[in-house]
Amino acid sequence: MASANVMSGLPALLAEIGHVLVTGVRDVYRDFAEISFKGPQASLASKTALAVVISTGIACAMHLPEVWWAAISAIMCSQATRPASVRKGILRIIGTVAGAALSLALVGWIAYDHAACSLVLLTVATVGVLGIIVSPHGYAWLLGAITFVLVVLMSLANPLDALNYASFRVIEVCVGTLTAMAVAIALAPPGGDSAPAPPGWTNLLGERWPAVLHALRGGIAVALIPYMWDWLEISDIAPVAVTIAAVMAAPVLADHPLDDGRQIVQKALHRLIGCLLGGIPALLLLGLSFDSLVPWLGVLSIGIWLFAWQAGSQRGTGYVGNQALLVFAMTIVQGEGPPGSIMPGINRLIGIVLGMTVLFGVCLIVQPAPPEREPAAPR
């Protein structure tokens, strides 16, 4: 592993950033200009909106503290086919329970030792991100890592609250996941999983070493969070960790390790576009000061449908819609009912931007060495 020469590659990096931003915004505009209420894309958007509204209403009725976790779980487990939704839901629940249990086992030790905490966060985040790349049960690995990171980071101030955090995360995730699975069983078409099988855990230090490097960058970024918490006195640290884990979950592409870095840049920029696309309307809607549940859920369903439609883009910008979905839900769904303040949404957007900044810095520093060029043939 070698450090990349950042300055020498700066013009190319800026050119790539500009190209991704321009094409991304253009393609997103075209997606919304072509909205249709017929076809598989519209059907999936409708099922996603229905699952989010039902799960949000249930979570509010149960007075769960972080209703947005139920909404996000419903979003992520709403898939195009019935088997895909059920399988992803099962993996999400398994991963969440495993991550919560591991956090409860270790938080009493690592919460009082920041060096040990950083090392454990590095290890768990790296294994979780690597798991989604190489394991057939990768989504469970990733959710286990995310849940562990969330519970640990939220418990640093008071480890005695870890059981409370872990229990509510599991309940909130189960509410959203089970709702999405029920909607899929009732409305989604049957179908198989055409995705290629993951390569497995073998030969990680051989030809698949770029996947390890890819996961290690995510682990390093997550490990820096406790120190940032001290330095910047950040009160809501969870969205930063979620952002880092989600961005690094982008799969390694192609055969060349340098392609991985380019994909991370593209995914991060698409996340930025998605954050603005979902966050700005949500913040504006928060200014309407909803007084009752029904109008709020109605506005929520419209936003979820629109961004779920864009998430099905055939132009390669579906990741923008996925991120807009998450940010819109995180921003407009707060507490146990209609939002009463715009500040939690602003704080979450700040956390996401901060997470992207940390990740960009790590990716620029920890890069694979460029390949040696073959000498030119003599003339």
Protein backbone atom coordinates (compact mmCIF):
# COMPACT_ATOMS: atom_id res chain seq x y z
CA MET A 1 0.00 0.00 0.00
CA ALA A 2 1.34 3.41 -0.90
CA SER A 3 0.14 6.96 -0.46
CA ALA A 4 -1.15 8.56 -3.60
CA ASN A 5 0.43 11.72 -4.89
CA VAL A 6 -2.64 13.89 -4.34
CA MET A 7 -1.28 17.09 -5.86
CA SER A 8 -0.14 15.48 -9.11
CA GLY A 9 -3.57 13.98 -9.63
CA LEU A 10 -5.54 17.07 -8.59
CA PRO A 11 -6.43 18.34 -12.11
CA ALA A 12 -7.74 14.91 -13.12
CA LEU A 13 -9.65 14.61 -9.85
CA LEU A 14 -11.29 18.03 -10.31
CA ALA A 15 -12.19 17.17 -13.89
CA GLU A 16 -13.76 13.90 -12.77
CA ILE A 17 -15.71 15.67 -10.02
CA GLY A 18 -17.02 18.25 -12.47
CA HIS A 19 -18.03 15.58 -14.97
CA VAL A 20 -19.86 13.50 -12.35
CA LEU A 21 -21.71 16.53 -10.95
CA VAL A 22 -22.83 17.82 -14.35
CA THR A 23 -23.94 14.45 -15.72
CA GLY A 24 -25.52 13.48 -12.40
CA VAL A 25 -27.68 16.60 -12.15
CA ARG A 26 -28.65 16.33 -15.81
CA ASP A 27 -29.66 12.68 -15.54
CA VAL A 28 -31.64 13.25 -12.33
CA TYR A 29 -33.57 16.04 -14.05
CA ARG A 30 -34.35 13.71 -16.96
CA ASP A 31 -35.54 11.01 -14.57
CA PHE A 32 -38.08 13.34 -12.94
CA ALA A 33 -39.16 14.69 -16.32
CA GLU A 34 -40.11 11.16 -17.36
CA ILE A 35 -42.23 10.25 -14.30
CA SER A 36 -44.94 7.70 -15.06
CA PHE A 37 -47.48 6.05 -12.80
CA LYS A 38 -47.37 2.78 -14.72
CA GLY A 39 -44.80 0.04 -14.92
CA PRO A 40 -42.46 -1.77 -12.48
CA GLN A 41 -40.60 1.40 -11.46
CA ALA A 42 -43.80 3.15 -10.39
CA SER A 43 -45.07 -0.01 -8.70
CA LEU A 44 -41.95 -0.33 -6.57
CA ALA A 45 -42.16 3.37 -5.65
CA SER A 46 -45.77 2.88 -4.52
CA LYS A 47 -44.93 -0.18 -2.42
CA THR A 48 -42.00 1.67 -0.84
CA ALA A 49 -44.16 4.68 0.06
CA LEU A 50 -46.87 2.42 1.48
CA ALA A 51 -44.37 0.49 3.63
CA VAL A 52 -42.78 3.70 4.93
CA VAL A 53 -46.10 5.31 5.85
CA ILE A 54 -47.42 2.19 7.61
CA SER A 55 -44.18 1.54 9.51
CA THR A 56 -43.86 5.20 10.51
CA GLY A 57 -47.44 5.23 11.79
CA ILE A 58 -46.86 2.03 13.79
CA ALA A 59 -43.61 3.34 15.27
CA CYS A 60 -45.33 6.59 16.28
CA ALA A 61 -48.16 4.65 17.91
CA MET A 62 -45.58 2.62 19.84
CA HIS A 63 -43.84 5.86 20.96
CA LEU A 64 -40.45 4.66 19.74
CA PRO A 65 -37.70 7.26 20.25
CA GLU A 66 -36.15 7.13 16.75
CA VAL A 67 -39.04 6.58 14.36
CA TRP A 68 -36.83 7.36 11.36
CA TRP A 69 -35.06 4.02 11.83
CA ALA A 70 -38.34 2.25 11.12
CA ALA A 71 -38.82 4.39 8.01
CA ILE A 72 -35.30 3.71 6.75
CA SER A 73 -35.68 -0.03 7.36
CA ALA A 74 -38.88 -0.02 5.32
CA ILE A 75 -37.10 1.83 2.50
CA MET A 76 -34.14 -0.53 2.38
CA CYS A 77 -36.24 -3.71 2.50
CA SER A 78 -38.68 -2.64 -0.22
CA GLN A 79 -37.38 -4.55 -3.22
CA ALA A 80 -38.72 -5.24 -6.69
CA THR A 81 -39.74 -8.85 -5.98
CA ARG A 82 -41.24 -10.72 -3.06
CA PRO A 83 -38.27 -13.07 -2.45
CA ALA A 84 -35.78 -10.19 -2.61
CA SER A 85 -37.71 -8.18 -0.01
CA VAL A 86 -38.11 -11.16 2.33
CA ARG A 87 -34.45 -12.18 2.03
CA LYS A 88 -33.16 -8.65 2.62
CA GLY A 89 -35.53 -8.21 5.56
CA ILE A 90 -34.35 -11.41 7.22
CA LEU A 91 -30.70 -10.45 6.75
CA ARG A 92 -31.38 -6.96 8.12
CA ILE A 93 -32.99 -8.33 11.28
CA ILE A 94 -30.25 -10.93 11.81
CA GLY A 95 -27.49 -8.37 11.31
CA THR A 96 -29.15 -5.82 13.57
CA VAL A 97 -29.64 -8.30 16.42
CA ALA A 98 -26.06 -9.59 16.09
CA GLY A 99 -24.60 -6.08 16.04
CA ALA A 100 -26.67 -5.01 19.04
CA ALA A 101 -25.60 -8.09 21.03
CA LEU A 102 -21.92 -7.55 20.22
CA SER A 103 -22.13 -3.89 21.22
CA LEU A 104 -23.65 -4.81 24.58
CA ALA A 105 -20.86 -7.32 25.16
CA LEU A 106 -18.06 -4.84 24.47
CA VAL A 107 -19.31 -1.32 25.21
CA GLY A 108 -18.60 -1.53 28.94
CA TRP A 109 -14.94 -2.06 28.15
CA ILE A 110 -14.27 0.14 25.12
CA ALA A 111 -16.36 3.16 26.19
CA TYR A 112 -13.70 4.13 28.74
CA ASP A 113 -10.71 3.50 26.51
CA HIS A 114 -10.70 5.54 23.32
CA ALA A 115 -7.70 3.71 21.87
CA ALA A 116 -9.40 0.35 22.35
CA CYS A 117 -12.68 1.82 21.08
CA SER A 118 -11.05 3.04 17.89
CA LEU A 119 -9.35 -0.32 17.32
CA VAL A 120 -12.59 -2.25 17.81
CA LEU A 121 -14.55 0.17 15.58
CA LEU A 122 -11.84 -0.18 12.92
CA THR A 123 -12.04 -3.98 13.05
CA VAL A 124 -15.83 -4.31 13.12
CA ALA A 125 -16.42 -1.68 10.41
CA THR A 126 -13.77 -3.22 8.16
CA VAL A 127 -15.18 -6.73 8.52
CA GLY A 128 -18.74 -5.48 7.99
CA VAL A 129 -17.93 -3.59 4.80
CA LEU A 130 -15.79 -6.45 3.53
CA GLY A 131 -18.63 -8.85 4.25
CA ILE A 132 -21.07 -7.08 1.95
CA ILE A 133 -18.53 -7.41 -0.86
CA VAL A 134 -17.56 -11.06 -0.49
CA SER A 135 -20.27 -12.85 1.53
CA PRO A 136 -23.58 -14.23 0.23
CA HIS A 137 -25.04 -12.87 3.48
CA GLY A 138 -23.27 -9.56 3.09
CA TYR A 139 -26.23 -7.36 4.05
CA ALA A 140 -26.33 -8.98 7.48
CA TRP A 141 -22.60 -8.33 7.91
CA LEU A 142 -23.04 -4.68 7.00
CA LEU A 143 -26.09 -4.15 9.23
CA GLY A 144 -24.31 -5.86 12.10
CA ALA A 145 -21.38 -3.47 11.74
CA ILE A 146 -23.60 -0.39 11.40
CA THR A 147 -25.69 -1.36 14.44
CA PHE A 148 -22.57 -2.02 16.50
CA VAL A 149 -21.04 1.32 15.52
CA LEU A 150 -24.28 3.19 16.23
CA VAL A 151 -24.86 1.70 19.67
CA VAL A 152 -21.24 2.13 20.74
CA LEU A 153 -20.95 5.72 19.56
CA MET A 154 -24.27 6.71 21.11
CA SER A 155 -23.24 5.05 24.38
CA LEU A 156 -19.85 6.72 24.79
CA ALA A 157 -21.26 9.47 26.99
CA ASN A 158 -23.11 7.00 29.24
CA PRO A 159 -22.43 3.27 28.69
CA LEU A 160 -25.30 2.40 31.03
CA ASP A 161 -27.68 3.54 28.28
CA ALA A 162 -26.33 0.95 25.82
CA LEU A 163 -29.06 -1.59 26.57
CA ASN A 164 -31.71 1.04 25.98
CA TYR A 165 -30.16 2.12 22.67
CA ALA A 166 -29.65 -1.45 21.46
CA SER A 167 -33.15 -2.58 22.39
CA PHE A 168 -34.88 0.32 20.67
CA ARG A 169 -32.71 -0.03 17.53
CA VAL A 170 -33.75 -3.66 17.20
CA ILE A 171 -37.44 -2.84 17.73
CA GLU A 172 -37.39 0.09 15.29
CA VAL A 173 -35.62 -1.95 12.64
CA CYS A 174 -38.03 -4.86 13.10
CA VAL A 175 -41.07 -2.57 12.74
CA GLY A 176 -39.88 -1.15 9.42
CA THR A 177 -38.48 -4.42 8.10
CA LEU A 178 -41.49 -6.57 8.93
CA THR A 179 -43.82 -3.97 7.44
CA ALA A 180 -41.86 -3.91 4.18
CA MET A 181 -41.86 -7.71 4.07
CA ALA A 182 -45.62 -7.82 4.64
CA VAL A 183 -46.24 -5.28 1.86
CA ALA A 184 -43.98 -7.27 -0.47
CA ILE A 185 -45.71 -10.55 0.32
CA ALA A 186 -49.09 -8.96 -0.37
CA LEU A 187 -48.25 -6.85 -3.43
CA ALA A 188 -44.83 -7.61 -4.93
CA PRO A 189 -44.48 -10.07 -7.82
CA PRO A 190 -42.63 -13.37 -7.42
CA GLY A 191 -39.21 -13.56 -8.96
CA GLY A 192 -35.70 -14.87 -8.59
CA ASP A 193 -32.45 -13.21 -7.65
CA SER A 194 -30.35 -12.67 -10.77
CA ALA A 195 -27.40 -11.04 -8.96
CA PRO A 196 -24.06 -12.85 -9.35
CA ALA A 197 -22.86 -14.88 -6.38
CA PRO A 198 -20.28 -13.11 -4.18
CA PRO A 199 -16.72 -14.51 -4.36
CA GLY A 200 -16.53 -15.62 -0.70
CA TRP A 201 -13.91 -15.04 1.98
CA THR A 202 -11.05 -16.85 0.22
CA ASN A 203 -7.94 -15.31 -1.37
CA LEU A 204 -8.50 -11.92 0.26
CA LEU A 205 -4.77 -11.19 0.31
CA GLY A 206 -4.35 -12.31 -3.27
CA GLU A 207 -6.26 -11.15 -6.30
CA ARG A 208 -9.08 -9.70 -4.19
CA TRP A 209 -6.88 -7.50 -2.03
CA PRO A 210 -8.55 -4.29 -3.42
CA ALA A 211 -11.71 -5.37 -1.58
CA VAL A 212 -9.75 -5.50 1.68
CA LEU A 213 -8.27 -2.07 1.02
CA HIS A 214 -11.73 -0.75 0.17
CA ALA A 215 -13.12 -2.05 3.48
CA LEU A 216 -10.09 -0.88 5.45
CA ARG A 217 -10.66 2.70 4.35
CA GLY A 218 -14.16 2.56 5.78
CA GLY A 219 -12.83 1.08 9.01
CA ILE A 220 -10.21 3.82 9.36
CA ALA A 221 -12.79 6.55 8.80
CA VAL A 222 -15.15 5.05 11.40
CA ALA A 223 -12.28 4.67 13.88
CA LEU A 224 -11.64 8.42 13.70
CA ILE A 225 -15.16 9.23 14.92
CA PRO A 226 -14.49 9.10 18.70
CA TYR A 227 -11.61 11.56 18.33
CA MET A 228 -13.76 13.90 16.24
CA TRP A 229 -16.40 13.63 18.93
CA ASP A 230 -13.89 14.94 21.47
CA TRP A 231 -12.31 17.60 19.27
CA LEU A 232 -15.49 19.09 17.78
CA GLU A 233 -17.90 18.33 20.65
CA ILE A 234 -20.47 16.84 18.27
CA SER A 235 -23.70 15.89 20.02
CA ASP A 236 -25.32 13.77 17.26
CA ILE A 237 -22.56 11.47 16.02
CA ALA A 238 -24.66 8.59 14.65
CA PRO A 239 -25.36 9.98 11.13
CA VAL A 240 -21.61 10.41 10.56
CA ALA A 241 -20.93 6.73 11.19
CA VAL A 242 -23.91 5.63 9.07
CA THR A 243 -22.72 7.84 6.20
CA ILE A 244 -19.21 6.40 6.27
CA ALA A 245 -20.42 2.81 6.37
CA ALA A 246 -22.98 3.35 3.59
CA VAL A 247 -20.56 5.06 1.21
CA MET A 248 -17.87 2.43 1.73
CA ALA A 249 -20.40 -0.32 1.06
CA ALA A 250 -20.16 0.49 -2.66
CA PRO A 251 -18.80 -2.69 -4.31
CA VAL A 252 -15.34 -2.88 -5.80
CA LEU A 253 -15.54 -2.52 -9.55
CA ALA A 254 -13.73 -4.00 -12.51
CA ASP A 255 -10.35 -5.70 -12.44
CA HIS A 256 -8.14 -2.76 -11.59
CA PRO A 257 -7.74 -1.57 -8.00
CA LEU A 258 -7.66 2.07 -9.05
CA ASP A 259 -11.21 1.74 -10.37
CA ASP A 260 -12.28 1.36 -6.75
CA GLY A 261 -11.11 4.88 -5.91
CA ARG A 262 -12.98 6.32 -8.88
CA GLN A 263 -16.16 4.57 -7.81
CA ILE A 264 -15.84 5.95 -4.27
CA VAL A 265 -15.55 9.49 -5.68
CA GLN A 266 -18.62 8.93 -7.85
CA LYS A 267 -20.66 7.40 -5.04
CA ALA A 268 -19.70 10.19 -2.65
CA LEU A 269 -20.68 12.87 -5.18
CA HIS A 270 -23.95 11.09 -5.93
CA ARG A 271 -24.55 11.00 -2.18
CA LEU A 272 -23.95 14.76 -2.06
CA ILE A 273 -26.49 15.35 -4.84
CA GLY A 274 -28.92 13.00 -3.11
CA CYS A 275 -28.44 14.75 0.23
CA LEU A 276 -29.35 18.10 -1.31
CA LEU A 277 -32.18 16.57 -3.35
CA GLY A 278 -33.79 14.97 -0.32
CA GLY A 279 -32.64 17.30 2.45
CA ILE A 280 -33.61 20.71 1.07
CA PRO A 281 -37.28 19.87 0.34
CA ALA A 282 -37.54 18.13 3.71
CA LEU A 283 -36.21 21.18 5.54
CA LEU A 284 -38.64 23.41 3.64
CA LEU A 285 -41.53 21.10 4.52
CA LEU A 286 -40.56 21.22 8.19
CA GLY A 287 -41.43 24.91 8.07
CA LEU A 288 -45.10 23.98 7.53
CA SER A 289 -45.37 22.95 11.21
CA PHE A 290 -47.61 19.89 10.88
CA ASP A 291 -50.10 19.67 13.75
CA SER A 292 -51.57 16.24 13.03
CA LEU A 293 -50.36 12.86 11.86
CA VAL A 294 -52.39 12.42 8.66
CA PRO A 295 -51.16 15.49 6.67
CA TRP A 296 -47.61 14.76 7.73
CA LEU A 297 -47.82 11.14 6.58
CA GLY A 298 -49.38 12.32 3.33
CA VAL A 299 -46.46 14.64 2.59
CA LEU A 300 -44.06 11.89 3.64
CA SER A 301 -45.62 9.43 1.20
CA ILE A 302 -45.36 11.87 -1.72
CA GLY A 303 -41.68 12.56 -1.09
CA ILE A 304 -40.86 8.89 -0.63
CA TRP A 305 -42.68 7.99 -3.86
CA LEU A 306 -40.82 10.63 -5.89
CA PHE A 307 -37.37 9.66 -4.63
CA ALA A 308 -38.13 5.95 -4.87
CA TRP A 309 -39.04 6.53 -8.51
CA GLN A 310 -35.71 8.21 -9.16
CA ALA A 311 -33.90 5.42 -7.30
CA GLY A 312 -35.03 3.11 -10.11
CA SER A 313 -33.19 5.20 -12.70
CA GLN A 314 -31.79 3.39 -15.72
CA ARG A 315 -29.17 6.10 -16.26
CA GLY A 316 -26.76 5.02 -13.54
CA THR A 317 -27.88 7.63 -11.00
CA GLY A 318 -30.22 5.48 -8.95
CA TYR A 319 -27.84 5.88 -6.00
CA VAL A 320 -28.85 9.57 -5.94
CA GLY A 321 -32.46 8.59 -5.38
CA ASN A 322 -31.47 6.03 -2.74
CA GLN A 323 -29.61 8.69 -0.77
CA ALA A 324 -32.39 11.25 -1.27
CA LEU A 325 -34.83 8.67 0.15
CA LEU A 326 -32.72 8.16 3.27
CA VAL A 327 -31.99 11.84 3.86
CA PHE A 328 -35.61 12.86 3.27
CA ALA A 329 -36.78 10.25 5.78
CA MET A 330 -34.07 11.12 8.32
CA THR A 331 -34.91 14.81 8.07
CA ILE A 332 -38.69 14.87 8.06
CA VAL A 333 -39.28 11.92 10.42
CA GLN A 334 -38.35 12.89 13.97
CA GLY A 335 -39.37 11.86 17.47
CA GLU A 336 -42.73 10.18 18.08
CA GLY A 337 -44.87 12.12 15.59
CA PRO A 338 -44.95 15.17 13.31
CA PRO A 339 -41.71 17.15 13.64
CA GLY A 340 -41.73 20.13 15.93
CA SER A 341 -38.35 21.59 15.02
CA ILE A 342 -36.09 22.01 12.01
CA MET A 343 -32.88 21.66 14.05
CA PRO A 344 -32.65 17.83 14.19
CA GLY A 345 -32.85 17.71 10.40
CA ILE A 346 -30.14 20.35 10.07
CA ASN A 347 -27.91 18.49 12.53
CA ARG A 348 -28.30 15.25 10.60
CA LEU A 349 -27.38 16.91 7.31
CA ILE A 350 -24.31 18.41 8.98
CA GLY A 351 -23.38 14.94 10.23
CA ILE A 352 -23.69 13.47 6.75
CA VAL A 353 -21.52 16.20 5.22
CA LEU A 354 -18.93 15.72 7.96
CA GLY A 355 -18.92 11.98 7.36
CA MET A 356 -18.31 12.51 3.63
CA THR A 357 -15.46 14.90 4.39
CA VAL A 358 -13.71 12.40 6.64
CA LEU A 359 -14.16 9.63 4.11
CA PHE A 360 -12.80 11.74 1.25
CA GLY A 361 -9.71 12.53 3.30
CA VAL A 362 -9.09 8.88 4.10
CA CYS A 363 -9.63 7.83 0.48
CA LEU A 364 -7.15 10.42 -0.79
CA ILE A 365 -4.49 9.29 1.66
CA VAL A 366 -5.00 5.52 1.61
CA GLN A 367 -4.81 4.61 -2.06
CA PRO A 368 -3.28 1.62 -3.81
CA ALA A 369 -0.02 2.23 -5.55
CA PRO A 370 -0.44 2.95 -9.26
CA PRO A 371 0.45 0.05 -11.52
CA GLU A 372 3.88 -0.08 -13.07
CA ARG A 373 3.75 0.76 -16.73
CA GLU A 374 5.34 -1.60 -19.17
CA PRO A 375 8.35 -0.07 -20.92
CA ALA A 376 7.68 1.12 -24.42
CA ALA A 377 8.79 -1.16 -27.21
CA PRO A 378 11.98 0.00 -28.98
CA ARG A 379 11.45 1.55 -32.33
